Each structure stands twice: as C-alpha cells, then as structure tokens.
Amino acid sequence: MIITMNQQKMILGEKYLGWLRESNDILDSIDDLHHRFEEDGYLLIRNLQPIDVVEKARQHLINQLSNQGQINTSFPLLDGVAKSGQRGGFFGGHQEMTRDSDFLNLVESPQIMNFFDHFFETPALTYDYKWLRVVPPKGFTGAHYDIVYMGRGTTNVLTCWTPIGDIPIELGPLAVLVGSHRYDLIKQTYGQMDVDRDHVTGWFSNDPFELIDKYGGQWQTTNFQAGDVLIFGMFTMHASLDNTTNRFRLSSDTRYQPANEPVDNRWVGLQPIGHYAWQKGETVPMHKARQEWNV
C-alpha cells in the first residue's frame, strides 16, 4: 500500500512506514504502560472514549463548519465533504467550537481524565486552551516536537490526539516517528526552542525520509476509529499523512499534565493568551536554525 506524506511516497509495512502498536492489553498495569511509553514514545488505545460522545462532538463541529459555508451539502452532512475552495483551518481556542459542551465532554471526559490520573499517579489537569484542527483535502502537517510550543512549565506534559470520527489512512491521520524521543542532539537543540521567544518556524522537517536516514526510527500510523486516542510526549516527533480525500479531517490534540507541576501560563485561564509573538515580525526559517544547530 503506497502512502504519501507531503507528496512523498512510502510503502506501508516497509522501512519508512509501519503500523502503530496497540496498548489495550496492558491498560490494567501502570508499570507496563510506563514501560511501553518509554519504549515507543506513544500509547495507542482503542475505544477509550465513548462513541456517542465522539459523535455528538462531531455533529456540533460539522454544524459549525456548515454554518461557515465550508461543507458541501450535496453530500450527507456528517461526511464532512469540503465545499470547493474551502480550506478548513485551525480553530484553537475558538469559543463557539472548542468551548461548547459537546466538544468539552469529549476532551475532558471522565474516561480520558481517569486515564491521565492513573498514568501520572496523581490528579491530572488539562489545559483550558483546546487545539482543534479541520484539515482540508491535500492537507498535511510537518514533523515537529510539541515542546517548542508549550515548554514553559513542566515537560511532563502529554498530548492526546483524538480523531473526531473515523479517520482511515486516506484521510491523513497522525503518524509518529518511533524512536525520535531518543534523538538526543535534536532534543538538545531544536527541543530547547520556544517559538514565541525565538521566532523560529515550528515544523522541524517536511521530508519524511531525512530523519530516519540520519537518526533511525520509523514512522508509524494506523486506521483510526471513533473512540480511539493516540497519546505521546513532548519529545515525540509527529506529523500527518496527506489527506487524499474530498473530506475534512476533524481531530483535536489536547494537553494533560500532573496538576501539581508547573503549568505553561499561555494555555490556562478564562482567556488563555496562546502564542503572543510567534509568526509576528521577522521569523527565522527552520533551515537556517538547523544550520546553526548542525542537525
């Protein structure tokens, strides 16, 4: 099966791209979960979220997109077919979409909060700011660490990527670069960056092959279904496959951490400030930063 990432072809099941490993079989063992996370840099858990909660969140979001004129209503509404020329978008912190109860009931569900309480072995909190992505046909996300966007508190923060509806491979799901959480040189350079402080573009690479050829590892992905979650740390490189359909891909990447550890104040409060300087004024291209870091 040939898959593309930024229009670069990879064969699923060969050197550069493989399948994510499920962790449902070890959910009852916190030690096994911690070991698996240290080994792989991620946890794929099937059916953690109630499907009816996912479906209600999807219905709410699709209705909002339809009201914005982004949905082709010649097709069933919940298919999320993009109207010609519409590009979806990033709706982080968008009041009508990410502060609605149907969306919050998903990303702050008892199931997900209980999981993080269990994993951290202490009460967890989730950032008030929520990240929502509506990825259009031909959409793609480049490889990056999350730490460069939210590294001012504890580094003990986990991202939970939630498909809002089924996301098969052709819809452009997330892929993680297994082994990248052990890229010490990149962690010591790029991984110390702050996009608001340093004014550097955030994606580390748009080339799915170069990191593997130089540092090792493998991209891994899967067909996601409503209810699944993919959890990974701040130093796990991730990107997306290309969305090769005519539909929008709806997903959320929400952050969780121990409540008793320092919090990056850009992402909490009634009106989180978010990125206040990134992409404002002159921005350093990533290729120039990488030349200085020699990575």
C-alpha atoms as a PDB file:
ATOM      1  CA  MET A   1       0.000   0.000   0.000  1.00  0.00           C
ATOM      2  CA  ILE A   2       1.536   3.308  -1.106  1.00  0.00           C
ATOM      3  CA  ILE A   3       1.002   6.228   1.274  1.00  0.00           C
ATOM      4  CA  THR A   4       2.084   9.853   0.863  1.00  0.00           C
ATOM      5  CA  MET A   5       3.396  12.356   3.363  1.00  0.00           C
ATOM      6  CA  ASN A   6       3.909  15.801   1.840  1.00  0.00           C
ATOM      7  CA  GLN A   7       3.506  14.112  -1.560  1.00  0.00           C
ATOM      8  CA  GLN A   8       6.451  11.788  -0.809  1.00  0.00           C
ATOM      9  CA  LYS A   9       5.576   8.143  -1.415  1.00  0.00           C
ATOM     10  CA  MET A  10       6.151   5.463   1.215  1.00  0.00           C
ATOM     11  CA  ILE A  11       5.132   1.812   1.246  1.00  0.00           C
ATOM     12  CA  LEU A  12       3.216   0.884   4.365  1.00  0.00           C
ATOM     13  CA  GLY A  13       4.895  -2.067   6.060  1.00  0.00           C
ATOM     14  CA  GLU A  14       8.395  -1.371   4.774  1.00  0.00           C
ATOM     15  CA  LYS A  15      11.397   0.616   6.111  1.00  0.00           C
ATOM     16  CA  TYR A  16       9.953   4.089   6.493  1.00  0.00           C
ATOM     17  CA  LEU A  17       6.332   3.452   7.487  1.00  0.00           C
ATOM     18  CA  GLY A  18       4.792   0.811   9.720  1.00  0.00           C
ATOM     19  CA  TRP A  19       1.789   0.174  11.937  1.00  0.00           C
ATOM     20  CA  LEU A  20       1.248   1.608  15.412  1.00  0.00           C
ATOM     21  CA  ARG A  21       1.165  -0.869  18.293  1.00  0.00           C
ATOM     22  CA  GLU A  22      -1.987  -1.041  20.416  1.00  0.00           C
ATOM     23  CA  SER A  23      -1.764  -0.914  24.216  1.00  0.00           C
ATOM     24  CA  ASN A  24      -5.238  -2.020  25.309  1.00  0.00           C
ATOM     25  CA  ASP A  25      -3.797  -5.295  26.569  1.00  0.00           C
ATOM     26  CA  ILE A  26      -1.768  -3.525  29.291  1.00  0.00           C
ATOM     27  CA  LEU A  27      -4.266  -0.902  30.461  1.00  0.00           C
ATOM     28  CA  ASP A  28      -4.555  -2.533  33.887  1.00  0.00           C
ATOM     29  CA  SER A  29      -0.816  -2.325  34.581  1.00  0.00           C
ATOM     30  CA  ILE A  30       0.627   1.119  35.214  1.00  0.00           C
ATOM     31  CA  ASP A  31       4.154  -0.299  35.160  1.00  0.00           C
ATOM     32  CA  ASP A  32       3.578  -1.865  31.749  1.00  0.00           C
ATOM     33  CA  LEU A  33       2.078   1.376  30.422  1.00  0.00           C
ATOM     34  CA  HIS A  34       5.086   3.370  31.616  1.00  0.00           C
ATOM     35  CA  HIS A  35       7.486   0.839  30.116  1.00  0.00           C
ATOM     36  CA  ARG A  36       5.630   0.811  26.791  1.00  0.00           C
ATOM     37  CA  PHE A  37       5.592   4.605  26.701  1.00  0.00           C
ATOM     38  CA  GLU A  38       9.331   4.787  27.374  1.00  0.00           C
ATOM     39  CA  GLU A  39       9.963   2.191  24.697  1.00  0.00           C
ATOM     40  CA  ASP A  40       7.738   3.544  21.915  1.00  0.00           C
ATOM     41  CA  GLY A  41       7.205   7.206  22.798  1.00  0.00           C
ATOM     42  CA  TYR A  42       3.437   6.797  22.423  1.00  0.00           C
ATOM     43  CA  LEU A  43       0.389   4.808  23.502  1.00  0.00           C
ATOM     44  CA  LEU A  44      -2.379   3.853  21.075  1.00  0.00           C
ATOM     45  CA  ILE A  45      -5.559   2.993  22.943  1.00  0.00           C
ATOM     46  CA  ARG A  46      -8.624   1.785  21.106  1.00  0.00           C
ATOM     47  CA  ASN A  47     -12.182   2.624  22.220  1.00  0.00           C
ATOM     48  CA  LEU A  48     -11.153   4.708  25.221  1.00  0.00           C
ATOM     49  CA  GLN A  49     -13.717   7.414  24.500  1.00  0.00           C
ATOM     50  CA  PRO A  50     -17.467   6.662  24.313  1.00  0.00           C
ATOM     51  CA  ILE A  51     -18.527   6.630  20.672  1.00  0.00           C
ATOM     52  CA  ASP A  52     -21.738   8.565  21.363  1.00  0.00           C
ATOM     53  CA  VAL A  53     -19.681  11.383  22.905  1.00  0.00           C
ATOM     54  CA  VAL A  54     -17.429  11.465  19.839  1.00  0.00           C
ATOM     55  CA  GLU A  55     -20.457  11.533  17.558  1.00  0.00           C
ATOM     56  CA  LYS A  56     -22.065  14.436  19.432  1.00  0.00           C
ATOM     57  CA  ALA A  57     -18.845  16.440  19.235  1.00  0.00           C
ATOM     58  CA  ARG A  58     -18.582  15.710  15.508  1.00  0.00           C
ATOM     59  CA  GLN A  59     -22.182  16.753  14.911  1.00  0.00           C
ATOM     60  CA  HIS A  60     -21.596  20.053  16.705  1.00  0.00           C
ATOM     61  CA  LEU A  61     -18.401  20.815  14.795  1.00  0.00           C
ATOM     62  CA  ILE A  62     -19.810  19.851  11.394  1.00  0.00           C
ATOM     63  CA  ASN A  63     -22.817  22.099  12.060  1.00  0.00           C
ATOM     64  CA  GLN A  64     -20.462  24.985  12.843  1.00  0.00           C
ATOM     65  CA  LEU A  65     -18.469  24.360   9.666  1.00  0.00           C
ATOM     66  CA  SER A  66     -21.677  24.175   7.652  1.00  0.00           C
ATOM     67  CA  ASN A  67     -22.812  27.499   9.115  1.00  0.00           C
ATOM     68  CA  GLN A  68     -19.491  28.932   7.926  1.00  0.00           C
ATOM     69  CA  GLY A  69     -20.189  27.710   4.407  1.00  0.00           C
ATOM     70  CA  GLN A  70     -17.368  25.160   4.399  1.00  0.00           C
ATOM     71  CA  ILE A  71     -19.379  21.963   3.901  1.00  0.00           C
ATOM     72  CA  ASN A  72     -20.672  20.652   0.580  1.00  0.00           C
ATOM     73  CA  THR A  73     -24.306  19.944   1.475  1.00  0.00           C
ATOM     74  CA  SER A  74     -24.853  17.854  -1.668  1.00  0.00           C
ATOM     75  CA  PHE A  75     -23.427  15.002   0.412  1.00  0.00           C
ATOM     76  CA  PRO A  76     -24.537  13.692   3.825  1.00  0.00           C
ATOM     77  CA  LEU A  77     -23.604  16.425   6.315  1.00  0.00           C
ATOM     78  CA  LEU A  78     -21.673  14.186   8.698  1.00  0.00           C
ATOM     79  CA  ASP A  79     -19.398  13.010   5.875  1.00  0.00           C
ATOM     80  CA  GLY A  80     -17.759  16.431   6.141  1.00  0.00           C
ATOM     81  CA  VAL A  81     -17.186  16.832   2.403  1.00  0.00           C
ATOM     82  CA  ALA A  82     -15.388  20.100   1.748  1.00  0.00           C
ATOM     83  CA  LYS A  83     -17.034  22.708  -0.422  1.00  0.00           C
ATOM     84  CA  SER A  84     -14.822  23.658  -3.354  1.00  0.00           C
ATOM     85  CA  GLY A  85     -12.233  26.242  -2.343  1.00  0.00           C
ATOM     86  CA  GLN A  86     -12.785  25.858   1.406  1.00  0.00           C
ATOM     87  CA  ARG A  87      -9.665  25.173   3.484  1.00  0.00           C
ATOM     88  CA  GLY A  88     -10.921  24.237   6.936  1.00  0.00           C
ATOM     89  CA  GLY A  89      -8.480  25.687   9.400  1.00  0.00           C
ATOM     90  CA  PHE A  90      -7.004  25.672  12.865  1.00  0.00           C
ATOM     91  CA  PHE A  91      -9.631  26.578  15.456  1.00  0.00           C
ATOM     92  CA  GLY A  92      -7.523  26.632  18.619  1.00  0.00           C
ATOM     93  CA  GLY A  93      -9.334  28.408  21.403  1.00  0.00           C
ATOM     94  CA  HIS A  94     -12.313  29.194  19.133  1.00  0.00           C
ATOM     95  CA  GLN A  95     -15.137  29.959  21.563  1.00  0.00           C
ATOM     96  CA  GLU A  96     -18.062  28.615  19.532  1.00  0.00           C
ATOM     97  CA  MET A  97     -16.266  25.380  18.705  1.00  0.00           C
ATOM     98  CA  THR A  98     -13.874  24.419  21.496  1.00  0.00           C
ATOM     99  CA  ARG A  99     -15.767  25.857  24.467  1.00  0.00           C
ATOM    100  CA  ASP A 100     -19.032  24.143  23.591  1.00  0.00           C
ATOM    101  CA  SER A 101     -20.135  21.421  25.989  1.00  0.00           C
ATOM    102  CA  ASP A 102     -20.336  18.740  23.289  1.00  0.00           C
ATOM    103  CA  PHE A 103     -16.653  19.256  22.448  1.00  0.00           C
ATOM    104  CA  LEU A 104     -15.528  19.597  26.078  1.00  0.00           C
ATOM    105  CA  ASN A 105     -17.441  16.459  27.035  1.00  0.00           C
ATOM    106  CA  LEU A 106     -15.103  14.613  24.670  1.00  0.00           C
ATOM    107  CA  VAL A 107     -11.693  16.059  25.503  1.00  0.00           C
ATOM    108  CA  GLU A 108     -12.472  16.328  29.232  1.00  0.00           C
ATOM    109  CA  SER A 109     -14.477  13.098  29.522  1.00  0.00           C
ATOM    110  CA  PRO A 110     -14.271  11.031  32.717  1.00  0.00           C
ATOM    111  CA  GLN A 111     -12.630   8.283  30.686  1.00  0.00           C
ATOM    112  CA  ILE A 112      -9.737  10.444  29.498  1.00  0.00           C
ATOM    113  CA  MET A 113      -9.254  12.278  32.799  1.00  0.00           C
ATOM    114  CA  ASN A 114      -9.288   8.994  34.712  1.00  0.00           C
ATOM    115  CA  PHE A 115      -6.685   7.599  32.339  1.00  0.00           C
ATOM    116  CA  PHE A 116      -4.308  10.502  32.969  1.00  0.00           C
ATOM    117  CA  ASP A 117      -4.905  10.402  36.728  1.00  0.00           C
ATOM    118  CA  HIS A 118      -3.908   6.744  36.532  1.00  0.00           C
ATOM    119  CA  PHE A 119      -0.926   7.282  34.240  1.00  0.00           C
ATOM    120  CA  PHE A 120       0.527  10.202  36.216  1.00  0.00           C
ATOM    121  CA  GLU A 121      -0.360   8.504  39.531  1.00  0.00           C
ATOM    122  CA  THR A 122      -1.634  11.881  40.735  1.00  0.00           C
ATOM    123  CA  PRO A 123      -4.574  14.111  39.736  1.00  0.00           C
ATOM    124  CA  ALA A 124      -4.208  15.466  36.217  1.00  0.00           C
ATOM    125  CA  LEU A 125      -5.272  18.729  34.640  1.00  0.00           C
ATOM    126  CA  THR A 126      -5.934  19.612  31.030  1.00  0.00           C
ATOM    127  CA  TYR A 127      -5.096  22.984  29.525  1.00  0.00           C
ATOM    128  CA  ASP A 128      -8.049  25.359  29.145  1.00  0.00           C
ATOM    129  CA  TYR A 129      -6.940  26.213  25.627  1.00  0.00           C
ATOM    130  CA  LYS A 130      -8.004  23.475  23.213  1.00  0.00           C
ATOM    131  CA  TRP A 131      -6.494  22.681  19.836  1.00  0.00           C
ATOM    132  CA  LEU A 132      -8.950  21.768  17.076  1.00  0.00           C
ATOM    133  CA  ARG A 133      -7.890  21.043  13.512  1.00  0.00           C
ATOM    134  CA  VAL A 134     -10.055  20.844  10.418  1.00  0.00           C
ATOM    135  CA  VAL A 135      -7.634  19.532   7.805  1.00  0.00           C
ATOM    136  CA  PRO A 136      -8.749  20.019   4.192  1.00  0.00           C
ATOM    137  CA  PRO A 137      -8.202  17.823   1.146  1.00  0.00           C
ATOM    138  CA  LYS A 138      -4.473  17.691   0.342  1.00  0.00           C
ATOM    139  CA  GLY A 139      -3.730  18.960   3.864  1.00  0.00           C
ATOM    140  CA  PHE A 140      -0.544  17.900   5.631  1.00  0.00           C
ATOM    141  CA  THR A 141       1.328  18.687   8.878  1.00  0.00           C
ATOM    142  CA  GLY A 142       5.135  18.670   9.016  1.00  0.00           C
ATOM    143  CA  ALA A 143       7.297  16.865  11.581  1.00  0.00           C
ATOM    144  CA  HIS A 144       7.712  18.604  14.928  1.00  0.00           C
ATOM    145  CA  TYR A 145       8.069  18.261  18.696  1.00  0.00           C
ATOM    146  CA  ASP A 146       5.286  19.768  20.820  1.00  0.00           C
ATOM    147  CA  ILE A 147       7.768  21.058  23.405  1.00  0.00           C
ATOM    148  CA  VAL A 148       8.660  24.047  21.202  1.00  0.00           C
ATOM    149  CA  TYR A 149       5.080  25.322  21.542  1.00  0.00           C
ATOM    150  CA  MET A 150       4.400  24.643  25.221  1.00  0.00           C
ATOM    151  CA  GLY A 151       7.638  24.197  27.136  1.00  0.00           C
ATOM    152  CA  ARG A 152       7.446  26.874  29.830  1.00  0.00           C
ATOM    153  CA  GLY A 153       6.049  24.664  32.554  1.00  0.00           C
ATOM    154  CA  THR A 154       6.785  21.040  33.319  1.00  0.00           C
ATOM    155  CA  THR A 155       7.994  18.875  30.453  1.00  0.00           C
ATOM    156  CA  ASN A 156       5.809  16.126  31.916  1.00  0.00           C
ATOM    157  CA  VAL A 157       3.006  17.031  29.513  1.00  0.00           C
ATOM    158  CA  LEU A 158       1.264  14.561  27.230  1.00  0.00           C
ATOM    159  CA  THR A 159      -0.630  15.212  24.035  1.00  0.00           C
ATOM    160  CA  CYS A 160      -3.783  13.223  23.355  1.00  0.00           C
ATOM    161  CA  TRP A 161      -4.650  13.167  19.657  1.00  0.00           C
ATOM    162  CA  THR A 162      -8.354  12.427  19.292  1.00  0.00           C
ATOM    163  CA  PRO A 163      -9.957  11.559  15.948  1.00  0.00           C
ATOM    164  CA  ILE A 164     -13.410  13.154  15.864  1.00  0.00           C
ATOM    165  CA  GLY A 165     -14.968  10.435  13.773  1.00  0.00           C
ATOM    166  CA  ASP A 166     -13.314   7.614  11.862  1.00  0.00           C
ATOM    167  CA  ILE A 167     -10.014   8.646  10.249  1.00  0.00           C
ATOM    168  CA  PRO A 168      -8.772   5.974   7.840  1.00  0.00           C
ATOM    169  CA  ILE A 169      -5.316   6.303   6.337  1.00  0.00           C
ATOM    170  CA  GLU A 170      -6.570   8.040   3.188  1.00  0.00           C
ATOM    171  CA  LEU A 171      -7.976  10.875   5.344  1.00  0.00           C
ATOM    172  CA  GLY A 172      -4.483  11.803   6.524  1.00  0.00           C
ATOM    173  CA  PRO A 173      -4.221  10.667  10.171  1.00  0.00           C
ATOM    174  CA  LEU A 174      -1.351  11.387  12.519  1.00  0.00           C
ATOM    175  CA  ALA A 175       1.897   9.445  12.284  1.00  0.00           C
ATOM    176  CA  VAL A 176       4.556   9.324  14.997  1.00  0.00           C
ATOM    177  CA  LEU A 177       8.262   8.873  14.383  1.00  0.00           C
ATOM    178  CA  VAL A 178       9.053   5.985  16.702  1.00  0.00           C
ATOM    179  CA  GLY A 179      12.494   6.419  18.228  1.00  0.00           C
ATOM    180  CA  SER A 180      12.515  10.212  17.893  1.00  0.00           C
ATOM    181  CA  HIS A 181      12.106  10.677  21.649  1.00  0.00           C
ATOM    182  CA  ARG A 182      15.697   9.416  21.851  1.00  0.00           C
ATOM    183  CA  TYR A 183      17.151  11.874  19.286  1.00  0.00           C
ATOM    184  CA  ASP A 184      19.428  13.447  21.885  1.00  0.00           C
ATOM    185  CA  LEU A 185      21.086  16.018  19.610  1.00  0.00           C
ATOM    186  CA  ILE A 186      17.749  17.248  18.282  1.00  0.00           C
ATOM    187  CA  LYS A 187      16.299  17.351  21.798  1.00  0.00           C
ATOM    188  CA  GLN A 188      19.262  19.460  22.965  1.00  0.00           C
ATOM    189  CA  THR A 189      18.889  21.974  20.105  1.00  0.00           C
ATOM    190  CA  TYR A 190      15.515  22.167  18.423  1.00  0.00           C
ATOM    191  CA  GLY A 191      13.916  20.696  21.549  1.00  0.00           C
ATOM    192  CA  GLN A 192      15.073  23.683  23.631  1.00  0.00           C
ATOM    193  CA  MET A 193      13.446  26.197  21.292  1.00  0.00           C
ATOM    194  CA  ASP A 194      10.450  28.380  22.182  1.00  0.00           C
ATOM    195  CA  VAL A 195       8.532  29.687  19.164  1.00  0.00           C
ATOM    196  CA  ASP A 196       7.396  32.860  20.955  1.00  0.00           C
ATOM    197  CA  ARG A 197      10.860  33.660  22.298  1.00  0.00           C
ATOM    198  CA  ASP A 198      12.975  32.600  19.328  1.00  0.00           C
ATOM    199  CA  HIS A 199      10.676  33.471  16.404  1.00  0.00           C
ATOM    200  CA  VAL A 200      11.593  30.294  14.531  1.00  0.00           C
ATOM    201  CA  THR A 201       9.112  28.434  12.351  1.00  0.00           C
ATOM    202  CA  GLY A 202       7.871  25.427  14.306  1.00  0.00           C
ATOM    203  CA  TRP A 203       7.988  22.432  11.957  1.00  0.00           C
ATOM    204  CA  PHE A 204      11.371  20.709  12.025  1.00  0.00           C
ATOM    205  CA  SER A 205      11.078  18.985   8.659  1.00  0.00           C
ATOM    206  CA  ASN A 206       8.726  18.407   5.734  1.00  0.00           C
ATOM    207  CA  ASP A 207      10.792  15.454   4.474  1.00  0.00           C
ATOM    208  CA  PRO A 208       9.594  12.101   5.877  1.00  0.00           C
ATOM    209  CA  PHE A 209      12.815  10.316   4.951  1.00  0.00           C
ATOM    210  CA  GLU A 210      15.648  12.534   6.168  1.00  0.00           C
ATOM    211  CA  LEU A 211      15.314  11.954   9.921  1.00  0.00           C
ATOM    212  CA  ILE A 212      15.093   8.189   9.548  1.00  0.00           C
ATOM    213  CA  ASP A 213      18.075   8.085   7.196  1.00  0.00           C
ATOM    214  CA  LYS A 214      20.170  10.191   9.586  1.00  0.00           C
ATOM    215  CA  TYR A 215      18.965   9.188  13.040  1.00  0.00           C
ATOM    216  CA  GLY A 216      16.955   5.981  12.642  1.00  0.00           C
ATOM    217  CA  GLY A 217      13.419   5.081  13.653  1.00  0.00           C
ATOM    218  CA  GLN A 218      10.228   4.574  11.670  1.00  0.00           C
ATOM    219  CA  TRP A 219       7.022   6.474  11.006  1.00  0.00           C
ATOM    220  CA  GLN A 220       4.018   4.559  12.304  1.00  0.00           C
ATOM    221  CA  THR A 221       0.308   5.125  11.782  1.00  0.00           C
ATOM    222  CA  THR A 222      -2.999   3.251  11.654  1.00  0.00           C
ATOM    223  CA  ASN A 223      -6.631   3.456  10.619  1.00  0.00           C
ATOM    224  CA  PHE A 224      -8.286   5.322  13.481  1.00  0.00           C
ATOM    225  CA  GLN A 225     -11.876   4.839  14.562  1.00  0.00           C
ATOM    226  CA  ALA A 226     -14.143   6.998  16.667  1.00  0.00           C
ATOM    227  CA  GLY A 227     -13.251   6.374  20.323  1.00  0.00           C
ATOM    228  CA  ASP A 228      -9.527   5.762  19.717  1.00  0.00           C
ATOM    229  CA  VAL A 229      -6.823   8.009  21.160  1.00  0.00           C
ATOM    230  CA  LEU A 230      -3.106   8.393  20.475  1.00  0.00           C
ATOM    231  CA  ILE A 231      -1.039   9.689  23.399  1.00  0.00           C
ATOM    232  CA  PHE A 232       2.566  10.883  23.146  1.00  0.00           C
ATOM    233  CA  GLY A 233       5.114  13.058  24.884  1.00  0.00           C
ATOM    234  CA  MET A 234       6.641  16.454  24.209  1.00  0.00           C
ATOM    235  CA  PHE A 235       9.726  14.945  22.546  1.00  0.00           C
ATOM    236  CA  THR A 236       7.996  12.520  20.182  1.00  0.00           C
ATOM    237  CA  MET A 237       8.290  13.756  16.608  1.00  0.00           C
ATOM    238  CA  HIS A 238       4.988  13.545  14.774  1.00  0.00           C
ATOM    239  CA  ALA A 239       3.403  14.659  11.520  1.00  0.00           C
ATOM    240  CA  SER A 240       0.428  13.693   9.390  1.00  0.00           C
ATOM    241  CA  LEU A 241      -0.105  11.755   6.248  1.00  0.00           C
ATOM    242  CA  ASP A 242      -1.681  13.548   3.297  1.00  0.00           C
ATOM    243  CA  ASN A 243      -5.452  13.878   3.218  1.00  0.00           C
ATOM    244  CA  THR A 244      -6.169  12.331  -0.180  1.00  0.00           C
ATOM    245  CA  THR A 245      -9.983  12.522   0.080  1.00  0.00           C
ATOM    246  CA  ASN A 246     -12.540  15.250  -0.625  1.00  0.00           C
ATOM    247  CA  ARG A 247     -13.441  15.393   3.087  1.00  0.00           C
ATOM    248  CA  PHE A 248     -12.274  17.404   6.073  1.00  0.00           C
ATOM    249  CA  ARG A 249     -10.299  15.553   8.748  1.00  0.00           C
ATOM    250  CA  LEU A 250     -11.516  16.597  12.204  1.00  0.00           C
ATOM    251  CA  SER A 251      -9.202  15.982  15.155  1.00  0.00           C
ATOM    252  CA  SER A 252      -8.155  17.502  18.433  1.00  0.00           C
ATOM    253  CA  ASP A 253      -4.751  17.485  20.121  1.00  0.00           C
ATOM    254  CA  THR A 254      -5.305  18.271  23.785  1.00  0.00           C
ATOM    255  CA  ARG A 255      -2.701  18.539  26.543  1.00  0.00           C
ATOM    256  CA  TYR A 256      -2.660  16.944  30.004  1.00  0.00           C
ATOM    257  CA  GLN A 257      -0.189  17.058  32.890  1.00  0.00           C
ATOM    258  CA  PRO A 258       0.046  16.445  36.639  1.00  0.00           C
ATOM    259  CA  ALA A 259      -1.924  19.177  38.392  1.00  0.00           C
ATOM    260  CA  ASN A 260       0.827  19.652  40.989  1.00  0.00           C
ATOM    261  CA  GLU A 261       3.558  20.554  38.462  1.00  0.00           C
ATOM    262  CA  PRO A 262       4.321  23.962  36.860  1.00  0.00           C
ATOM    263  CA  VAL A 263       1.992  24.968  34.026  1.00  0.00           C
ATOM    264  CA  ASP A 264       2.795  26.971  30.888  1.00  0.00           C
ATOM    265  CA  ASN A 265       0.592  30.010  31.526  1.00  0.00           C
ATOM    266  CA  ARG A 266      -0.009  30.655  27.819  1.00  0.00           C
ATOM    267  CA  TRP A 267      -2.582  27.856  27.808  1.00  0.00           C
ATOM    268  CA  VAL A 268      -4.603  28.242  31.015  1.00  0.00           C
ATOM    269  CA  GLY A 269      -7.219  30.646  32.356  1.00  0.00           C
ATOM    270  CA  LEU A 270     -10.537  32.017  31.136  1.00  0.00           C
ATOM    271  CA  GLN A 271      -8.854  33.703  28.154  1.00  0.00           C
ATOM    272  CA  PRO A 272      -5.502  31.970  27.536  1.00  0.00           C
ATOM    273  CA  ILE A 273      -3.065  34.249  25.745  1.00  0.00           C
ATOM    274  CA  GLY A 274      -1.720  31.492  23.488  1.00  0.00           C
ATOM    275  CA  HIS A 275       1.122  32.355  21.133  1.00  0.00           C
ATOM    276  CA  TYR A 276       1.667  36.092  21.552  1.00  0.00           C
ATOM    277  CA  ALA A 277       4.829  36.582  19.466  1.00  0.00           C
ATOM    278  CA  TRP A 278       5.268  33.585  17.160  1.00  0.00           C
ATOM    279  CA  GLN A 279       4.838  34.460  13.463  1.00  0.00           C
ATOM    280  CA  LYS A 280       4.769  38.154  14.300  1.00  0.00           C
ATOM    281  CA  GLY A 281       7.533  40.222  12.780  1.00  0.00           C
ATOM    282  CA  GLU A 282      10.599  38.606  11.271  1.00  0.00           C
ATOM    283  CA  THR A 283      10.653  34.809  11.627  1.00  0.00           C
ATOM    284  CA  VAL A 284      13.762  32.653  11.344  1.00  0.00           C
ATOM    285  CA  PRO A 285      13.287  29.868   8.758  1.00  0.00           C
ATOM    286  CA  MET A 286      13.816  26.417  10.224  1.00  0.00           C
ATOM    287  CA  HIS A 287      16.519  25.537   7.706  1.00  0.00           C
ATOM    288  CA  LYS A 288      18.652  28.433   8.970  1.00  0.00           C
ATOM    289  CA  ALA A 289      18.123  27.437  12.596  1.00  0.00           C
ATOM    290  CA  ARG A 290      19.066  23.863  11.766  1.00  0.00           C
ATOM    291  CA  GLN A 291      22.279  25.022  10.115  1.00  0.00           C
ATOM    292  CA  GLU A 292      23.244  26.784  13.358  1.00  0.00           C
ATOM    293  CA  TRP A 293      22.333  23.722  15.426  1.00  0.00           C
ATOM    294  CA  ASN A 294      24.070  21.383  12.964  1.00  0.00           C
ATOM    295  CA  VAL A 295      21.153  18.931  12.967  1.00  0.00           C
END
